[in-house]
Amino acid sequence: EAEQIQDFNTSLDSLVEACNVARYRKRFQDVYAYNQLVKIPSEAHQAELFIALSDIVLADLALDENHLERALSLYRDNFPVVARSGGYGWHLLRGLLENLGHRILSLKRDDGLTWCNSLDAYWTRQGLIDSHPELIAAVWQWRQDILGRQMAA
């Protein structure tokens, strides 16, 4: 049974990576198709994690397409799931947070601050300041970086 669970996890991890590759190649319909495959009910031990990882790719795509509210909502809802598990394979929380930070810092100043405030408030309400302070600390750092850019300008 453990081997079967590992096979499911490996398959789901491959689908998440296929989402990423399709996004980089600008094959957006494929991103959505792979995302739906990840969401098919399975026996995977960490199915919720793989769905969250796949939805984070959708958030990246939404941001690429300048759908800021959709992207923010997907990031906000799915990062706590990844934090609870730490991630999987290449998709570890630290790297995903680093990517999100770069993306937030690339937004217009007001949008970036709005995102930081939204993530901070939502994740704090979920109690993540105690269970996963690295999420809140990252948001605080991004906010300081945004405000620091304003001071330097």
Protein backbone atom coordinates (compact mmCIF):
# COMPACT_ATOMS: atom_id res chain seq x y z
CA GLU A 1 0.00 0.00 0.00
CA ALA A 2 2.85 2.42 0.77
CA GLU A 3 4.27 1.84 -2.70
CA GLN A 4 0.88 2.56 -4.28
CA ILE A 5 0.59 5.84 -2.32
CA GLN A 6 4.09 6.83 -3.46
CA ASP A 7 3.09 6.10 -7.06
CA PHE A 8 0.05 8.39 -6.71
CA ASN A 9 2.19 11.13 -5.17
CA THR A 10 4.77 10.83 -7.95
CA SER A 11 2.05 11.02 -10.60
CA LEU A 12 0.49 14.10 -9.02
CA ASP A 13 3.89 15.75 -8.66
CA SER A 14 4.49 15.12 -12.36
CA LEU A 15 1.15 16.74 -13.23
CA VAL A 16 2.03 19.81 -11.14
CA GLU A 17 5.32 20.05 -12.99
CA ALA A 18 3.47 19.66 -16.31
CA CYS A 19 1.34 22.66 -15.24
CA ASN A 20 4.51 24.68 -14.71
CA VAL A 21 6.04 23.66 -18.03
CA ALA A 22 2.83 24.45 -19.91
CA ARG A 23 2.69 27.87 -18.24
CA TYR A 24 6.27 28.67 -19.22
CA ARG A 25 5.52 27.57 -22.79
CA LYS A 26 2.38 29.73 -22.81
CA ARG A 27 0.16 26.70 -23.47
CA PHE A 28 -2.53 27.99 -21.16
CA GLN A 29 -5.23 25.48 -22.08
CA ASP A 30 -2.82 22.72 -21.07
CA VAL A 31 -2.28 24.39 -17.68
CA TYR A 32 -6.02 24.23 -17.02
CA ALA A 33 -6.26 20.65 -18.28
CA TYR A 34 -3.40 19.43 -16.07
CA ASN A 35 -4.87 21.33 -13.12
CA GLN A 36 -8.16 19.46 -13.59
CA LEU A 37 -6.34 16.12 -13.74
CA VAL A 38 -4.67 16.85 -10.40
CA LYS A 39 -8.11 17.40 -8.89
CA ILE A 40 -9.45 13.96 -9.85
CA PRO A 41 -10.05 12.15 -6.55
CA SER A 42 -7.20 9.81 -5.77
CA GLU A 43 -5.66 7.65 -3.12
CA ALA A 44 -2.69 9.97 -2.80
CA HIS A 45 -1.60 10.57 0.74
CA GLN A 46 -1.08 14.26 0.06
CA ALA A 47 -3.78 14.92 -2.54
CA GLU A 48 -4.74 18.25 -0.93
CA LEU A 49 -1.13 19.42 -1.21
CA PHE A 50 -0.92 18.61 -4.92
CA ILE A 51 -4.18 20.40 -5.59
CA ALA A 52 -2.79 23.45 -3.77
CA LEU A 53 0.47 23.29 -5.74
CA SER A 54 -1.47 23.05 -8.98
CA ASP A 55 -3.65 26.00 -7.96
CA ILE A 56 -0.53 28.04 -7.21
CA VAL A 57 0.48 27.49 -10.85
CA LEU A 58 -2.98 28.79 -11.81
CA ALA A 59 -2.29 31.81 -9.59
CA ASP A 60 0.99 32.40 -11.43
CA LEU A 61 -0.88 32.19 -14.72
CA ALA A 62 -3.60 34.58 -13.49
CA LEU A 63 -0.92 37.06 -12.48
CA ASP A 64 0.82 36.64 -15.85
CA GLU A 65 -2.51 37.57 -17.44
CA ASN A 66 -2.95 40.53 -15.03
CA HIS A 67 -5.96 39.00 -13.24
CA LEU A 68 -4.80 40.36 -9.90
CA GLU A 69 -7.82 39.47 -7.76
CA ARG A 70 -7.95 35.87 -8.98
CA ALA A 71 -4.21 35.45 -8.49
CA LEU A 72 -4.33 36.90 -4.98
CA SER A 73 -7.24 34.67 -4.01
CA LEU A 74 -5.50 31.53 -5.27
CA TYR A 75 -2.22 32.38 -3.51
CA ARG A 76 -4.02 33.35 -0.30
CA ASP A 77 -6.05 30.12 -0.17
CA ASN A 78 -3.34 27.65 -1.21
CA PHE A 79 -0.17 28.73 0.57
CA PRO A 80 -1.52 27.63 3.98
CA VAL A 81 -2.04 24.12 2.60
CA VAL A 82 1.57 24.02 1.40
CA ALA A 83 2.79 25.44 4.72
CA ARG A 84 1.07 22.67 6.66
CA SER A 85 2.93 20.02 4.68
CA GLY A 86 6.14 21.87 3.83
CA GLY A 87 5.74 21.08 0.13
CA TYR A 88 6.89 18.16 -1.96
CA GLY A 89 9.89 17.47 -4.15
CA TRP A 90 10.87 20.61 -6.04
CA HIS A 91 7.86 22.45 -4.67
CA LEU A 92 9.03 23.35 -1.17
CA LEU A 93 7.49 26.21 0.80
CA ARG A 94 10.69 28.26 0.90
CA GLY A 95 11.05 28.32 -2.89
CA LEU A 96 7.36 29.00 -3.44
CA LEU A 97 7.50 31.92 -0.98
CA GLU A 98 10.57 33.27 -2.72
CA ASN A 99 8.75 33.14 -6.07
CA LEU A 100 5.67 34.82 -4.60
CA GLY A 101 7.84 37.53 -3.08
CA HIS A 102 9.44 38.32 -6.43
CA ARG A 103 6.02 38.47 -8.03
CA ILE A 104 4.60 40.78 -5.33
CA LEU A 105 7.64 43.06 -5.54
CA SER A 106 7.12 43.31 -9.31
CA LEU A 107 3.60 44.71 -8.84
CA LYS A 108 2.84 48.42 -8.73
CA ARG A 109 3.52 49.80 -5.25
CA ASP A 110 -0.14 50.14 -4.23
CA ASP A 111 -1.03 46.70 -5.57
CA GLY A 112 1.90 45.14 -3.75
CA LEU A 113 0.90 46.77 -0.47
CA THR A 114 -2.72 45.71 -0.96
CA TRP A 115 -1.58 42.13 -1.52
CA CYS A 116 0.65 42.19 1.56
CA ASN A 117 -2.18 43.55 3.69
CA SER A 118 -4.64 40.99 2.34
CA LEU A 119 -2.30 38.02 2.83
CA ASP A 120 -1.31 39.21 6.31
CA ALA A 121 -4.91 39.67 7.44
CA TYR A 122 -6.18 36.40 5.95
CA TRP A 123 -3.31 34.23 7.17
CA THR A 124 -3.35 35.84 10.61
CA ARG A 125 -7.11 35.14 10.93
CA GLN A 126 -6.36 31.51 10.12
CA GLY A 127 -3.92 31.33 13.04
CA LEU A 128 -0.87 30.94 10.85
CA ILE A 129 1.08 33.51 12.84
CA ASP A 130 1.45 30.78 15.49
CA SER A 131 1.58 27.63 13.40
CA HIS A 132 3.52 28.94 10.38
CA PRO A 133 5.11 32.28 11.26
CA GLU A 134 7.34 32.04 8.17
CA LEU A 135 4.32 33.02 6.03
CA ILE A 136 3.60 36.13 8.07
CA ALA A 137 7.30 37.01 8.34
CA ALA A 138 7.62 36.82 4.55
CA VAL A 139 4.65 39.16 4.07
CA TRP A 140 6.11 41.63 6.58
CA GLN A 141 9.45 41.54 4.75
CA TRP A 142 7.81 42.13 1.36
CA ARG A 143 5.90 45.07 2.81
CA GLN A 144 9.14 46.54 4.19
CA ASP A 145 10.85 46.02 0.83
CA ILE A 146 8.03 47.84 -0.96
CA LEU A 147 8.08 50.71 1.52
CA GLY A 148 11.89 50.79 1.39
CA ARG A 149 11.79 51.25 -2.38
CA GLN A 150 9.56 54.28 -1.87
CA MET A 151 12.04 55.79 0.60
CA ALA A 152 14.96 55.21 -1.78
CA ALA A 153 13.14 56.80 -4.73
